[in-house]
Amino acid sequence: MHIGVHKTATTYMQGLCELNQRKLNEAGVGFIPLTELRQSFTRHLMAFSPESFNIETYLERFFRGAQPSTVRGLILSDENFIGWGGTLIQSGRAYAEAEKRLTRIRELLAGHRITMFMAIRSYDSFTASLYCETLRNTQRFVKFNEFRRKFDFASVRWPGMVRRFADALRPDAIRLWRYEDFRPLSDRIVRDLAFDVEVSEKAAKAETLEHPSFSQTSVDILEMIADRFGASVAGELINSVPKILRKGDRYPAYNPWDDENRGTMANLYEEDYRSFPDDIWLVRPA
């Protein structure tokens, strides 16, 4: 179970598994591409009955062509398992529905061994990215200062968040890594997710499947549009402006925090990730 979180290279990992699905299947590893997984499972998660649900009846969806004689395991990867980003704008609390959703997954997969895969990320860039991700799911543009007044920062502190998720899912094992360590160690991380099957040969192509990220310029322009024409008009452009002014060499990433806040968050992040026990790290921080 790769549960995310959002904006931690989840789309890249899902794209890599999809590009290598045939190789995974031949090795006895099942995988459902994200679009199909959301349509057939994630969106109906709370409607499934634990009494009648059986993951074995879905095996043909995990395997293209003939099902192998031995199934080594199944990969389920969707950051929306823990909820959609739009709830953060409304409630101010990150992943407020995660506990009940992960509890339902545990009930549906009762009797199976579950490993929970999850990445964490430095607080300043994560909260900025999470704010932008929530905008994708809203009809009205919300300025960061308005969002910040309602935002419950404690809800994104990693020790508490991982504890909440693990208490609900009750996995047999946890595999944790830092987003900052992902790029140089992505092959190792994805291989662990893929039951030791090597899936890295098409990594460059998988990168093209990532969503365009908000740049500082794109958010600045959306704010200008909201000031001039209203939040609803800016809301209609939330998904189109970042595609034109996507984060890259020309347009730096959006980050609304000043140096003092970034320093405070960096210290909290280090303090928090160092509090995790060694045995849950897939890749232990240097």
Protein backbone atom coordinates (compact mmCIF):
# COMPACT_ATOMS: atom_id res chain seq x y z
CA MET A 1 0.00 0.00 0.00
CA HIS A 2 1.71 3.17 -1.25
CA ILE A 3 -0.41 5.86 0.40
CA GLY A 4 1.51 8.95 -0.65
CA VAL A 5 1.54 11.58 0.54
CA HIS A 6 0.69 14.10 -2.17
CA LYS A 7 3.57 15.96 -3.84
CA THR A 8 6.26 13.43 -2.93
CA ALA A 9 6.93 11.89 -6.39
CA THR A 10 3.91 9.58 -6.17
CA THR A 11 2.93 10.22 -9.81
CA TYR A 12 6.46 9.34 -10.92
CA MET A 13 6.40 6.05 -9.01
CA GLN A 14 2.96 5.16 -10.37
CA GLY A 15 4.04 5.99 -13.91
CA LEU A 16 7.15 3.87 -13.54
CA CYS A 17 5.14 0.86 -12.38
CA GLU A 18 2.65 1.33 -15.21
CA LEU A 19 5.39 1.50 -17.83
CA ASN A 20 6.83 -1.72 -16.43
CA GLN A 21 3.56 -3.49 -15.69
CA ARG A 22 4.28 -6.38 -18.05
CA LYS A 23 7.63 -7.03 -16.37
CA LEU A 24 6.00 -6.86 -12.94
CA ASN A 25 3.24 -9.24 -14.01
CA GLU A 26 5.71 -11.76 -15.42
CA ALA A 27 7.43 -11.76 -12.01
CA GLY A 28 4.12 -12.41 -10.24
CA VAL A 29 3.54 -8.82 -9.06
CA GLY A 30 0.15 -7.27 -9.74
CA PHE A 31 -0.40 -3.58 -10.40
CA ILE A 32 -3.39 -1.47 -11.45
CA PRO A 33 -2.60 1.88 -13.15
CA LEU A 34 -3.73 4.93 -11.19
CA THR A 35 -6.65 6.01 -13.40
CA GLU A 36 -8.21 2.56 -13.36
CA LEU A 37 -7.48 2.08 -9.65
CA ARG A 38 -9.28 5.30 -8.76
CA GLN A 39 -12.27 4.48 -10.95
CA SER A 40 -12.69 0.93 -9.72
CA PHE A 41 -11.49 1.11 -6.11
CA THR A 42 -10.49 4.41 -4.53
CA ARG A 43 -13.66 6.34 -5.40
CA HIS A 44 -15.86 3.54 -4.08
CA LEU A 45 -13.72 2.74 -1.04
CA MET A 46 -16.27 3.64 1.64
CA ALA A 47 -19.11 1.92 -0.25
CA PHE A 48 -17.44 -1.50 -0.28
CA SER A 49 -18.67 -3.96 2.33
CA PRO A 50 -15.92 -5.74 4.28
CA GLU A 51 -18.21 -8.77 4.55
CA SER A 52 -18.50 -9.26 0.78
CA PHE A 53 -15.29 -7.70 -0.58
CA ASN A 54 -12.54 -10.07 -1.70
CA ILE A 55 -9.40 -8.71 -3.37
CA GLU A 56 -8.86 -12.07 -5.13
CA THR A 57 -11.88 -11.39 -7.35
CA TYR A 58 -10.00 -8.38 -8.77
CA LEU A 59 -6.79 -10.24 -9.65
CA GLU A 60 -7.42 -10.15 -13.40
CA ARG A 61 -7.29 -6.34 -13.21
CA PHE A 62 -3.84 -6.48 -11.62
CA PHE A 63 -2.44 -8.68 -14.38
CA ARG A 64 -2.43 -8.04 -18.12
CA GLY A 65 -2.91 -11.29 -20.00
CA ALA A 66 -2.60 -14.60 -18.23
CA GLN A 67 -2.36 -14.60 -14.46
CA PRO A 68 0.91 -16.18 -13.23
CA SER A 69 0.80 -19.45 -11.34
CA THR A 70 2.28 -17.75 -8.28
CA VAL A 71 1.32 -14.25 -7.12
CA ARG A 72 4.13 -12.67 -5.13
CA GLY A 73 2.16 -9.61 -4.17
CA LEU A 74 0.02 -6.67 -5.26
CA ILE A 75 0.95 -2.99 -5.51
CA LEU A 76 -1.79 -0.48 -4.69
CA SER A 77 -0.54 3.09 -5.09
CA ASP A 78 -2.81 6.11 -4.73
CA GLU A 79 -2.24 9.22 -2.58
CA ASN A 80 -6.02 9.64 -2.52
CA PHE A 81 -6.32 6.58 -0.30
CA ILE A 82 -5.85 9.06 2.57
CA GLY A 83 -8.27 11.62 1.11
CA TRP A 84 -8.45 14.42 -1.41
CA GLY A 85 -6.57 17.70 -1.16
CA GLY A 86 -9.67 19.87 -1.31
CA THR A 87 -10.63 19.08 2.28
CA LEU A 88 -7.60 21.03 3.53
CA ILE A 89 -9.04 24.31 2.23
CA GLN A 90 -12.35 23.63 3.95
CA SER A 91 -11.20 22.26 7.30
CA GLY A 92 -7.65 23.58 7.69
CA ARG A 93 -6.56 20.08 8.74
CA ALA A 94 -4.53 17.82 6.50
CA TYR A 95 -6.10 14.47 5.63
CA ALA A 96 -8.98 14.76 8.06
CA GLU A 97 -10.67 11.67 6.57
CA ALA A 98 -7.56 9.49 6.49
CA GLU A 99 -8.34 7.41 9.58
CA LYS A 100 -11.75 6.19 8.46
CA ARG A 101 -10.53 5.54 4.92
CA LEU A 102 -7.47 3.56 6.02
CA THR A 103 -9.56 1.67 8.56
CA ARG A 104 -11.85 0.62 5.73
CA ILE A 105 -8.87 -0.54 3.66
CA ARG A 106 -7.66 -2.62 6.61
CA GLU A 107 -11.11 -4.20 6.88
CA LEU A 108 -11.24 -4.92 3.15
CA LEU A 109 -7.79 -6.53 3.15
CA ALA A 110 -8.21 -8.50 6.35
CA GLY A 111 -6.10 -11.64 6.36
CA HIS A 112 -3.44 -10.21 4.05
CA ARG A 113 -0.01 -8.90 4.95
CA ILE A 114 0.13 -5.13 4.38
CA THR A 115 3.23 -2.98 4.08
CA MET A 116 2.64 0.78 4.24
CA PHE A 117 4.88 2.85 1.94
CA MET A 118 5.03 6.59 2.58
CA ALA A 119 7.30 9.56 1.93
CA ILE A 120 7.76 12.65 4.09
CA ARG A 121 8.98 16.06 2.97
CA SER A 122 10.38 19.26 4.49
CA TYR A 123 7.58 21.35 5.94
CA ASP A 124 8.08 24.58 4.01
CA SER A 125 7.99 23.02 0.53
CA PHE A 126 5.40 20.41 1.50
CA THR A 127 2.89 22.90 2.90
CA ALA A 128 3.39 25.16 -0.13
CA SER A 129 2.89 22.24 -2.52
CA LEU A 130 -0.08 20.92 -0.54
CA TYR A 131 -1.71 24.36 -0.66
CA CYS A 132 -1.27 24.41 -4.45
CA GLU A 133 -2.59 20.86 -4.74
CA THR A 134 -5.75 21.78 -2.83
CA LEU A 135 -6.33 24.64 -5.26
CA ARG A 136 -6.69 22.09 -8.07
CA ASN A 137 -9.78 20.74 -6.33
CA THR A 138 -11.53 24.05 -5.61
CA GLN A 139 -13.90 26.25 -7.60
CA ARG A 140 -12.73 29.46 -5.96
CA PHE A 141 -9.15 30.70 -5.70
CA VAL A 142 -8.05 31.05 -2.06
CA LYS A 143 -5.04 33.25 -1.34
CA PHE A 144 -2.32 31.73 0.79
CA ASN A 145 -2.82 34.20 3.65
CA GLU A 146 -6.49 33.23 3.84
CA PHE A 147 -5.55 29.57 3.77
CA ARG A 148 -2.85 30.09 6.41
CA ARG A 149 -5.27 31.64 8.92
CA LYS A 150 -7.27 28.42 9.00
CA PHE A 151 -4.39 25.99 8.49
CA ASP A 152 -3.62 23.62 11.39
CA PHE A 153 0.14 23.16 11.10
CA ALA A 154 0.13 20.45 13.76
CA SER A 155 -1.85 18.25 11.38
CA VAL A 156 1.12 17.99 9.00
CA ARG A 157 3.75 17.16 11.62
CA TRP A 158 5.09 13.82 10.43
CA PRO A 159 5.28 11.86 13.70
CA GLY A 160 1.61 12.49 14.38
CA MET A 161 0.55 11.91 10.79
CA VAL A 162 2.41 8.61 10.43
CA ARG A 163 1.02 7.48 13.79
CA ARG A 164 -2.54 8.31 12.71
CA PHE A 165 -2.17 6.42 9.45
CA ALA A 166 -0.50 3.40 11.02
CA ASP A 167 -3.04 3.16 13.85
CA ALA A 168 -5.84 3.03 11.27
CA LEU A 169 -4.21 0.74 8.67
CA ARG A 170 -2.33 -1.43 11.19
CA PRO A 171 0.30 -2.51 8.65
CA ASP A 172 2.64 -5.42 9.25
CA ALA A 173 5.53 -3.16 8.26
CA ILE A 174 6.19 0.51 7.42
CA ARG A 175 8.61 1.75 4.75
CA LEU A 176 9.42 5.43 5.16
CA TRP A 177 11.75 7.73 3.22
CA ARG A 178 12.39 11.44 2.79
CA TYR A 179 11.35 13.11 -0.45
CA GLU A 180 14.70 14.91 -0.43
CA ASP A 181 16.45 11.52 -0.69
CA PHE A 182 14.22 10.14 -3.42
CA ARG A 183 15.95 11.24 -6.62
CA PRO A 184 19.36 9.60 -5.97
CA LEU A 185 17.75 6.54 -4.37
CA SER A 186 14.58 6.15 -6.46
CA ASP A 187 15.62 2.81 -7.98
CA ARG A 188 16.07 1.26 -4.56
CA ILE A 189 12.80 2.68 -3.22
CA VAL A 190 10.69 1.60 -6.20
CA ARG A 191 12.34 -1.83 -6.25
CA ASP A 192 11.31 -2.36 -2.62
CA LEU A 193 7.75 -1.33 -3.47
CA ALA A 194 7.83 -3.74 -6.44
CA PHE A 195 8.78 -6.83 -4.39
CA ASP A 196 12.42 -6.62 -5.54
CA VAL A 197 11.56 -6.50 -9.25
CA GLU A 198 13.84 -4.10 -11.16
CA VAL A 199 11.67 -1.46 -12.90
CA SER A 200 14.07 1.44 -13.44
CA GLU A 201 14.97 1.13 -17.12
CA LYS A 202 12.22 3.51 -18.27
CA ALA A 203 12.58 6.08 -15.47
CA ALA A 204 13.24 8.98 -17.84
CA LYS A 205 10.01 8.35 -19.74
CA ALA A 206 8.05 8.07 -16.49
CA GLU A 207 9.11 11.58 -15.50
CA THR A 208 6.97 12.98 -18.32
CA LEU A 209 3.88 11.66 -16.51
CA GLU A 210 4.31 13.99 -13.54
CA HIS A 211 1.75 16.75 -12.99
CA PRO A 212 2.93 20.32 -13.74
CA SER A 213 3.85 22.02 -10.47
CA PHE A 214 2.85 25.55 -9.52
CA SER A 215 5.55 28.16 -9.95
CA GLN A 216 5.80 31.35 -7.92
CA THR A 217 4.84 33.30 -11.06
CA SER A 218 1.69 31.23 -11.68
CA VAL A 219 0.39 31.84 -8.14
CA ASP A 220 1.28 35.55 -8.34
CA ILE A 221 -0.73 35.87 -11.55
CA LEU A 222 -3.70 34.00 -10.08
CA GLU A 223 -3.64 36.39 -7.12
CA MET A 224 -3.61 39.36 -9.51
CA ILE A 225 -6.58 37.91 -11.41
CA ALA A 226 -8.44 37.33 -8.14
CA ASP A 227 -7.82 40.94 -7.06
CA ARG A 228 -8.98 42.31 -10.40
CA PHE A 229 -11.77 39.96 -11.45
CA GLY A 230 -12.65 37.97 -8.33
CA ALA A 231 -11.81 34.63 -6.75
CA SER A 232 -14.28 32.70 -8.93
CA VAL A 233 -12.69 33.88 -12.17
CA ALA A 234 -9.24 33.00 -10.84
CA GLY A 235 -10.67 29.62 -9.80
CA GLU A 236 -11.60 28.86 -13.39
CA LEU A 237 -7.93 29.32 -14.37
CA ILE A 238 -6.34 27.34 -11.54
CA ASN A 239 -5.50 24.34 -13.69
CA SER A 240 -4.57 26.18 -16.89
CA VAL A 241 -2.18 28.90 -15.65
CA PRO A 242 0.28 26.45 -13.98
CA LYS A 243 0.48 24.45 -17.23
CA ILE A 244 1.69 27.55 -19.07
CA LEU A 245 3.93 28.84 -16.26
CA ARG A 246 4.95 25.50 -14.78
CA LYS A 247 7.80 25.21 -12.33
CA GLY A 248 11.19 24.86 -14.01
CA ASP A 249 14.43 26.64 -14.76
CA ARG A 250 12.58 29.76 -15.91
CA TYR A 251 9.96 29.85 -13.17
CA PRO A 252 11.05 28.90 -9.61
CA ALA A 253 8.79 26.79 -7.39
CA TYR A 254 6.13 28.50 -5.33
CA ASN A 255 7.13 29.02 -1.71
CA PRO A 256 5.33 31.66 0.38
CA TRP A 257 7.44 31.36 3.54
CA ASP A 258 10.02 33.94 4.56
CA ASP A 259 13.54 33.03 5.73
CA GLU A 260 12.59 32.98 9.41
CA ASN A 261 9.68 30.61 8.86
CA ARG A 262 11.75 28.39 6.58
CA GLY A 263 14.47 28.15 9.22
CA THR A 264 11.98 27.27 11.95
CA MET A 265 10.35 24.63 9.76
CA ALA A 266 13.73 23.15 8.80
CA ASN A 267 14.59 22.70 12.47
CA LEU A 268 11.20 21.12 13.21
CA TYR A 269 11.54 18.80 10.24
CA GLU A 270 14.95 17.55 11.35
CA GLU A 271 13.74 17.11 14.91
CA ASP A 272 10.68 15.19 13.73
CA TYR A 273 12.29 12.82 11.25
CA ARG A 274 15.06 12.01 13.72
CA SER A 275 12.39 10.91 16.19
CA PHE A 276 11.39 7.92 14.03
CA PRO A 277 12.82 4.52 14.99
CA ASP A 278 15.43 3.03 12.67
CA ASP A 279 13.35 0.01 11.72
CA ILE A 280 10.70 1.91 9.74
CA TRP A 281 13.15 3.67 7.42
CA LEU A 282 13.39 2.20 3.94
CA VAL A 283 16.22 4.65 3.36
CA ARG A 284 17.62 6.04 6.60
CA PRO A 285 18.49 9.77 6.42
CA ALA A 286 22.20 10.52 6.40
